[in-house]
Structures are given as structure tokens and as C-alpha cells.
Amino acid sequence: FQPGEQDLALLKDARLFFHAGGSYEKAW
């Protein structure tokens, strides 16, 4: 999966971003 503009908009109002460090999260 590759996030598009609509997906990336979800980042705008967040304070914290959590990920697990996997290769499938690199785009995020």
C-alpha cells in the first residue's frame, strides 16, 4: 500500500505517530 493525498491528510491534526518499524510502514 502507498498512501495518497487523502490518506496523508490524516496526519495533519495528530500529535503522535506510532509505527512498528516494519518495511510495510516506510511510506507512512
PDB file of all heavy atoms in Angstrom:
ATOM      1  N   PHE A   1       0.818  -1.214   0.000  1.00  0.00           N
ATOM      2  CA  PHE A   1       0.000   0.000   0.000  1.00  0.00           C
ATOM      3  C   PHE A   1       0.852   1.265   0.000  1.00  0.00           C
ATOM      4  O   PHE A   1       1.836   1.369   0.734  1.00  0.00           O
ATOM      5  CB  PHE A   1      -0.923   0.015   1.222  1.00  0.00           C
ATOM      6  CG  PHE A   1      -1.724   1.279   1.352  1.00  0.00           C
ATOM      7  CD1 PHE A   1      -2.775   1.537   0.489  1.00  0.00           C
ATOM      8  CD2 PHE A   1      -1.415   2.218   2.326  1.00  0.00           C
ATOM      9  CE1 PHE A   1      -3.514   2.715   0.595  1.00  0.00           C
ATOM     10  CE2 PHE A   1      -2.143   3.391   2.445  1.00  0.00           C
ATOM     11  CZ  PHE A   1      -3.199   3.638   1.578  1.00  0.00           C
ATOM     12  N   GLN A   2       0.463   2.221  -0.825  1.00  0.00           N
ATOM     13  CA  GLN A   2       1.108   3.534  -0.870  1.00  0.00           C
ATOM     14  C   GLN A   2       0.048   4.596  -0.589  1.00  0.00           C
ATOM     15  O   GLN A   2      -0.928   4.714  -1.318  1.00  0.00           O
ATOM     16  CB  GLN A   2       1.756   3.786  -2.233  1.00  0.00           C
ATOM     17  CG  GLN A   2       2.943   2.899  -2.530  1.00  0.00           C
ATOM     18  CD  GLN A   2       4.123   3.199  -1.609  1.00  0.00           C
ATOM     19  OE1 GLN A   2       4.439   4.357  -1.345  1.00  0.00           O
ATOM     20  NE2 GLN A   2       4.768   2.158  -1.123  1.00  0.00           N
ATOM     21  N   PRO A   3       0.217   5.385   0.482  1.00  0.00           N
ATOM     22  CA  PRO A   3      -0.810   6.385   0.828  1.00  0.00           C
ATOM     23  C   PRO A   3      -0.908   7.496  -0.202  1.00  0.00           C
ATOM     24  O   PRO A   3       0.095   7.988  -0.711  1.00  0.00           O
ATOM     25  CB  PRO A   3      -0.317   6.920   2.180  1.00  0.00           C
ATOM     26  CG  PRO A   3       1.149   6.628   2.211  1.00  0.00           C
ATOM     27  CD  PRO A   3       1.333   5.362   1.447  1.00  0.00           C
ATOM     28  N   GLY A   4      -2.144   7.881  -0.500  1.00  0.00           N
ATOM     29  CA  GLY A   4      -2.396   9.010  -1.387  1.00  0.00           C
ATOM     30  C   GLY A   4      -2.652  10.273  -0.596  1.00  0.00           C
ATOM     31  O   GLY A   4      -2.547  10.295   0.635  1.00  0.00           O
ATOM     32  N   GLU A   5      -3.030  11.344  -1.287  1.00  0.00           N
ATOM     33  CA  GLU A   5      -3.229  12.632  -0.625  1.00  0.00           C
ATOM     34  C   GLU A   5      -4.313  12.567   0.440  1.00  0.00           C
ATOM     35  O   GLU A   5      -4.178  13.154   1.514  1.00  0.00           O
ATOM     36  CB  GLU A   5      -3.579  13.701  -1.672  1.00  0.00           C
ATOM     37  CG  GLU A   5      -2.413  14.083  -2.567  1.00  0.00           C
ATOM     38  CD  GLU A   5      -2.765  15.250  -3.472  1.00  0.00           C
ATOM     39  OE1 GLU A   5      -3.805  15.896  -3.219  1.00  0.00           O
ATOM     40  OE2 GLU A   5      -2.013  15.506  -4.421  1.00  0.00           O
ATOM     41  N   GLN A   6      -5.384  11.877   0.137  1.00  0.00           N
ATOM     42  CA  GLN A   6      -6.470  11.771   1.108  1.00  0.00           C
ATOM     43  C   GLN A   6      -6.015  11.015   2.356  1.00  0.00           C
ATOM     44  O   GLN A   6      -6.402  11.358   3.480  1.00  0.00           O
ATOM     45  CB  GLN A   6      -7.671  11.065   0.470  1.00  0.00           C
ATOM     46  CG  GLN A   6      -8.913  11.068   1.354  1.00  0.00           C
ATOM     47  CD  GLN A   6     -10.129  10.510   0.635  1.00  0.00           C
ATOM     48  OE1 GLN A   6     -10.056  10.097  -0.529  1.00  0.00           O
ATOM     49  NE2 GLN A   6     -11.258  10.484   1.319  1.00  0.00           N
ATOM     50  N   ASP A   7      -5.189   9.992   2.178  1.00  0.00           N
ATOM     51  CA  ASP A   7      -4.663   9.236   3.318  1.00  0.00           C
ATOM     52  C   ASP A   7      -3.711  10.103   4.140  1.00  0.00           C
ATOM     53  O   ASP A   7      -3.764  10.112   5.378  1.00  0.00           O
ATOM     54  CB  ASP A   7      -3.924   7.986   2.834  1.00  0.00           C
ATOM     55  CG  ASP A   7      -4.791   7.083   1.984  1.00  0.00           C
ATOM     56  OD1 ASP A   7      -5.842   6.648   2.472  1.00  0.00           O
ATOM     57  OD2 ASP A   7      -4.414   6.830   0.823  1.00  0.00           O
ATOM     58  N   LEU A   8      -2.851  10.835   3.463  1.00  0.00           N
ATOM     59  CA  LEU A   8      -1.855  11.652   4.151  1.00  0.00           C
ATOM     60  C   LEU A   8      -2.492  12.779   4.954  1.00  0.00           C
ATOM     61  O   LEU A   8      -1.901  13.274   5.920  1.00  0.00           O
ATOM     62  CB  LEU A   8      -0.863  12.225   3.143  1.00  0.00           C
ATOM     63  CG  LEU A   8      -0.001  11.183   2.399  1.00  0.00           C
ATOM     64  CD1 LEU A   8       0.844  11.862   1.339  1.00  0.00           C
ATOM     65  CD2 LEU A   8       0.868  10.418   3.377  1.00  0.00           C
ATOM     66  N   ALA A   9      -3.697  13.170   4.573  1.00  0.00           N
ATOM     67  CA  ALA A   9      -4.394  14.229   5.313  1.00  0.00           C
ATOM     68  C   ALA A   9      -4.681  13.825   6.750  1.00  0.00           C
ATOM     69  O   ALA A   9      -4.872  14.687   7.619  1.00  0.00           O
ATOM     70  CB  ALA A   9      -5.693  14.589   4.595  1.00  0.00           C
ATOM     71  N   LEU A  10      -4.695  12.527   7.021  1.00  0.00           N
ATOM     72  CA  LEU A  10      -4.946  12.044   8.383  1.00  0.00           C
ATOM     73  C   LEU A  10      -3.834  12.425   9.349  1.00  0.00           C
ATOM     74  O   LEU A  10      -4.029  12.421  10.571  1.00  0.00           O
ATOM     75  CB  LEU A  10      -5.107  10.521   8.371  1.00  0.00           C
ATOM     76  CG  LEU A  10      -6.282   9.953   7.580  1.00  0.00           C
ATOM     77  CD1 LEU A  10      -6.183   8.434   7.502  1.00  0.00           C
ATOM     78  CD2 LEU A  10      -7.596  10.364   8.216  1.00  0.00           C
ATOM     79  N   LEU A  11      -2.662  12.752   8.818  1.00  0.00           N
ATOM     80  CA  LEU A  11      -1.531  13.106   9.666  1.00  0.00           C
ATOM     81  C   LEU A  11      -1.601  14.539  10.181  1.00  0.00           C
ATOM     82  O   LEU A  11      -0.961  14.883  11.188  1.00  0.00           O
ATOM     83  CB  LEU A  11      -0.211  12.934   8.890  1.00  0.00           C
ATOM     84  CG  LEU A  11       0.107  11.552   8.325  1.00  0.00           C
ATOM     85  CD1 LEU A  11       1.386  11.625   7.502  1.00  0.00           C
ATOM     86  CD2 LEU A  11       0.245  10.532   9.428  1.00  0.00           C
ATOM     87  N   LYS A  12      -2.383  15.368   9.520  1.00  0.00           N
ATOM     88  CA  LYS A  12      -2.323  16.810   9.737  1.00  0.00           C
ATOM     89  C   LYS A  12      -2.636  17.225  11.178  1.00  0.00           C
ATOM     90  O   LYS A  12      -1.957  18.083  11.744  1.00  0.00           O
ATOM     91  CB  LYS A  12      -3.291  17.510   8.771  1.00  0.00           C
ATOM     92  CG  LYS A  12      -3.219  19.024   8.837  1.00  0.00           C
ATOM     93  CD  LYS A  12      -4.110  19.658   7.782  1.00  0.00           C
ATOM     94  CE  LYS A  12      -5.580  19.351   8.035  1.00  0.00           C
ATOM     95  NZ  LYS A  12      -6.480  20.115   7.129  1.00  0.00           N
ATOM     96  N   ASP A  13      -3.655  16.640  11.781  1.00  0.00           N
ATOM     97  CA  ASP A  13      -4.108  17.099  13.098  1.00  0.00           C
ATOM     98  C   ASP A  13      -3.609  16.224  14.244  1.00  0.00           C
ATOM     99  O   ASP A  13      -3.993  16.445  15.393  1.00  0.00           O
ATOM    100  CB  ASP A  13      -5.642  17.145  13.132  1.00  0.00           C
ATOM    101  CG  ASP A  13      -6.205  18.141  12.137  1.00  0.00           C
ATOM    102  OD1 ASP A  13      -5.583  19.206  11.964  1.00  0.00           O
ATOM    103  OD2 ASP A  13      -7.245  17.851  11.522  1.00  0.00           O
ATOM    104  N   ALA A  14      -2.770  15.239  13.955  1.00  0.00           N
ATOM    105  CA  ALA A  14      -2.305  14.327  15.008  1.00  0.00           C
ATOM    106  C   ALA A  14      -1.114  14.917  15.757  1.00  0.00           C
ATOM    107  O   ALA A  14      -0.349  15.721  15.214  1.00  0.00           O
ATOM    108  CB  ALA A  14      -1.929  12.982  14.399  1.00  0.00           C
ATOM    109  N   ARG A  15      -0.955  14.492  17.011  1.00  0.00           N
ATOM    110  CA  ARG A  15       0.218  14.881  17.806  1.00  0.00           C
ATOM    111  C   ARG A  15       1.279  13.788  17.821  1.00  0.00           C
ATOM    112  O   ARG A  15       2.470  14.061  17.851  1.00  0.00           O
ATOM    113  CB  ARG A  15      -0.203  15.165  19.252  1.00  0.00           C
ATOM    114  CG  ARG A  15      -0.854  16.507  19.470  1.00  0.00           C
ATOM    115  CD  ARG A  15      -1.172  16.716  20.938  1.00  0.00           C
ATOM    116  NE  ARG A  15       0.015  16.659  21.774  1.00  0.00           N
ATOM    117  CZ  ARG A  15      -0.018  16.553  23.100  1.00  0.00           C
ATOM    118  NH1 ARG A  15      -1.169  16.486  23.731  1.00  0.00           N
ATOM    119  NH2 ARG A  15       1.107  16.520  23.797  1.00  0.00           N
ATOM    120  N   LEU A  16       0.819  12.532  17.846  1.00  0.00           N
ATOM    121  CA  LEU A  16       1.735  11.406  17.932  1.00  0.00           C
ATOM    122  C   LEU A  16       1.486  10.446  16.781  1.00  0.00           C
ATOM    123  O   LEU A  16       0.350  10.212  16.380  1.00  0.00           O
ATOM    124  CB  LEU A  16       1.557  10.654  19.258  1.00  0.00           C
ATOM    125  CG  LEU A  16       1.798  11.418  20.562  1.00  0.00           C
ATOM    126  CD1 LEU A  16       1.547  10.506  21.757  1.00  0.00           C
ATOM    127  CD2 LEU A  16       3.213  11.972  20.607  1.00  0.00           C
ATOM    128  N   PHE A  17       2.574   9.854  16.293  1.00  0.00           N
ATOM    129  CA  PHE A  17       2.530   8.874  15.203  1.00  0.00           C
ATOM    130  C   PHE A  17       3.238   7.617  15.702  1.00  0.00           C
ATOM    131  O   PHE A  17       4.427   7.661  16.049  1.00  0.00           O
ATOM    132  CB  PHE A  17       3.245   9.449  13.974  1.00  0.00           C
ATOM    133  CG  PHE A  17       3.471   8.489  12.846  1.00  0.00           C
ATOM    134  CD1 PHE A  17       2.618   8.449  11.762  1.00  0.00           C
ATOM    135  CD2 PHE A  17       4.568   7.620  12.857  1.00  0.00           C
ATOM    136  CE1 PHE A  17       2.845   7.564  10.705  1.00  0.00           C
ATOM    137  CE2 PHE A  17       4.800   6.730  11.814  1.00  0.00           C
ATOM    138  CZ  PHE A  17       3.933   6.710  10.732  1.00  0.00           C
ATOM    139  N   PHE A  18       2.522   6.509  15.761  1.00  0.00           N
ATOM    140  CA  PHE A  18       3.098   5.250  16.225  1.00  0.00           C
ATOM    141  C   PHE A  18       3.231   4.263  15.059  1.00  0.00           C
ATOM    142  O   PHE A  18       2.294   4.103  14.276  1.00  0.00           O
ATOM    143  CB  PHE A  18       2.209   4.607  17.299  1.00  0.00           C
ATOM    144  CG  PHE A  18       2.316   5.252  18.650  1.00  0.00           C
ATOM    145  CD1 PHE A  18       1.470   6.285  19.009  1.00  0.00           C
ATOM    146  CD2 PHE A  18       3.253   4.815  19.577  1.00  0.00           C
ATOM    147  CE1 PHE A  18       1.556   6.884  20.260  1.00  0.00           C
ATOM    148  CE2 PHE A  18       3.357   5.400  20.832  1.00  0.00           C
ATOM    149  CZ  PHE A  18       2.502   6.436  21.174  1.00  0.00           C
ATOM    150  N   HIS A  19       4.387   3.614  14.995  1.00  0.00           N
ATOM    151  CA  HIS A  19       4.579   2.562  13.997  1.00  0.00           C
ATOM    152  C   HIS A  19       5.403   1.442  14.627  1.00  0.00           C
ATOM    153  O   HIS A  19       5.999   1.611  15.706  1.00  0.00           O
ATOM    154  CB  HIS A  19       5.270   3.115  12.747  1.00  0.00           C
ATOM    155  CG  HIS A  19       6.693   3.531  12.961  1.00  0.00           C
ATOM    156  ND1 HIS A  19       7.768   2.833  12.457  1.00  0.00           N
ATOM    157  CD2 HIS A  19       7.233   4.581  13.636  1.00  0.00           C
ATOM    158  CE1 HIS A  19       8.900   3.429  12.805  1.00  0.00           C
ATOM    159  NE2 HIS A  19       8.604   4.490  13.517  1.00  0.00           N
ATOM    160  N   ALA A  20       5.449   0.292  13.949  1.00  0.00           N
ATOM    161  CA  ALA A  20       6.141  -0.876  14.494  1.00  0.00           C
ATOM    162  C   ALA A  20       7.520  -1.082  13.895  1.00  0.00           C
ATOM    163  O   ALA A  20       8.220  -2.019  14.284  1.00  0.00           O
ATOM    164  CB  ALA A  20       5.281  -2.133  14.287  1.00  0.00           C
ATOM    165  N   GLY A  21       7.902  -0.266  12.925  1.00  0.00           N
ATOM    166  CA  GLY A  21       9.233  -0.387  12.343  1.00  0.00           C
ATOM    167  C   GLY A  21       9.331  -1.375  11.203  1.00  0.00           C
ATOM    168  O   GLY A  21      10.444  -1.761  10.813  1.00  0.00           O
ATOM    169  N   GLY A  22       8.201  -1.786  10.643  1.00  0.00           N
ATOM    170  CA  GLY A  22       8.219  -2.753   9.539  1.00  0.00           C
ATOM    171  C   GLY A  22       8.430  -2.092   8.189  1.00  0.00           C
ATOM    172  O   GLY A  22       8.217  -0.888   8.022  1.00  0.00           O
ATOM    173  N   SER A  23       8.850  -2.891   7.216  1.00  0.00           N
ATOM    174  CA  SER A  23       9.068  -2.355   5.871  1.00  0.00           C
ATOM    175  C   SER A  23       7.762  -1.872   5.252  1.00  0.00           C
ATOM    176  O   SER A  23       7.758  -0.961   4.417  1.00  0.00           O
ATOM    177  CB  SER A  23       9.698  -3.437   4.981  1.00  0.00           C
ATOM    178  OG  SER A  23       8.803  -4.525   4.801  1.00  0.00           O
ATOM    179  N   TYR A  24       6.650  -2.472   5.662  1.00  0.00           N
ATOM    180  CA  TYR A  24       5.351  -2.112   5.110  1.00  0.00           C
ATOM    181  C   TYR A  24       4.829  -0.791   5.686  1.00  0.00           C
ATOM    182  O   TYR A  24       3.719  -0.367   5.365  1.00  0.00           O
ATOM    183  CB  TYR A  24       4.326  -3.229   5.379  1.00  0.00           C
ATOM    184  CG  TYR A  24       4.519  -3.938   6.689  1.00  0.00           C
ATOM    185  CD1 TYR A  24       4.180  -3.348   7.900  1.00  0.00           C
ATOM    186  CD2 TYR A  24       5.075  -5.211   6.711  1.00  0.00           C
ATOM    187  CE1 TYR A  24       4.369  -4.000   9.093  1.00  0.00           C
ATOM    188  CE2 TYR A  24       5.283  -5.872   7.915  1.00  0.00           C
ATOM    189  CZ  TYR A  24       4.923  -5.260   9.099  1.00  0.00           C
ATOM    190  OH  TYR A  24       5.128  -5.913  10.293  1.00  0.00           O
ATOM    191  N   GLU A  25       5.610  -0.137   6.543  1.00  0.00           N
ATOM    192  CA  GLU A  25       5.200   1.149   7.115  1.00  0.00           C
ATOM    193  C   GLU A  25       6.093   2.311   6.652  1.00  0.00           C
ATOM    194  O   GLU A  25       5.879   3.446   7.050  1.00  0.00           O
ATOM    195  CB  GLU A  25       5.254   1.079   8.647  1.00  0.00           C
ATOM    196  CG  GLU A  25       4.363   0.011   9.246  1.00  0.00           C
ATOM    197  CD  GLU A  25       4.746  -0.282  10.691  1.00  0.00           C
ATOM    198  OE1 GLU A  25       5.850  -0.812  10.905  1.00  0.00           O
ATOM    199  OE2 GLU A  25       3.948   0.041  11.584  1.00  0.00           O
ATOM    200  N   LYS A  26       7.076   2.029   5.824  1.00  0.00           N
ATOM    201  CA  LYS A  26       8.067   3.042   5.469  1.00  0.00           C
ATOM    202  C   LYS A  26       7.462   4.256   4.797  1.00  0.00           C
ATOM    203  O   LYS A  26       7.873   5.401   5.052  1.00  0.00           O
ATOM    204  CB  LYS A  26       9.149   2.419   4.579  1.00  0.00           C
ATOM    205  CG  LYS A  26      10.118   1.531   5.344  1.00  0.00           C
ATOM    206  CD  LYS A  26      11.222   1.000   4.440  1.00  0.00           C
ATOM    207  CE  LYS A  26      12.218   0.160   5.236  1.00  0.00           C
ATOM    208  NZ  LYS A  26      13.295  -0.384   4.368  1.00  0.00           N
ATOM    209  N   ALA A  27       6.472   4.044   3.930  1.00  0.00           N
ATOM    210  CA  ALA A  27       5.857   5.179   3.246  1.00  0.00           C
ATOM    211  C   ALA A  27       5.173   6.107   4.246  1.00  0.00           C
ATOM    212  O   ALA A  27       5.249   7.339   4.134  1.00  0.00           O
ATOM    213  CB  ALA A  27       4.854   4.693   2.207  1.00  0.00           C
ATOM    214  N   TRP A  28       4.539   5.506   5.247  1.00  0.00           N
ATOM    215  CA  TRP A  28       3.891   6.315   6.279  1.00  0.00           C
ATOM    216  C   TRP A  28       4.926   7.076   7.114  1.00  0.00           C
ATOM    217  O   TRP A  28       4.731   8.236   7.471  1.00  0.00           O
ATOM    218  CB  TRP A  28       3.052   5.434   7.186  1.00  0.00           C
ATOM    219  CG  TRP A  28       1.724   5.028   6.641  1.00  0.00           C
ATOM    220  CD1 TRP A  28       1.279   3.760   6.372  1.00  0.00           C
ATOM    221  CD2 TRP A  28       0.630   5.896   6.301  1.00  0.00           C
ATOM    222  NE1 TRP A  28       0.008   3.783   5.878  1.00  0.00           N
ATOM    223  CE2 TRP A  28      -0.422   5.085   5.827  1.00  0.00           C
ATOM    224  CE3 TRP A  28       0.454   7.277   6.341  1.00  0.00           C
ATOM    225  CZ2 TRP A  28      -1.636   5.614   5.405  1.00  0.00           C
ATOM    226  CZ3 TRP A  28      -0.768   7.808   5.918  1.00  0.00           C
ATOM    227  CH2 TRP A  28      -1.792   6.979   5.462  1.00  0.00           C
TER     228      TRP A  28
END
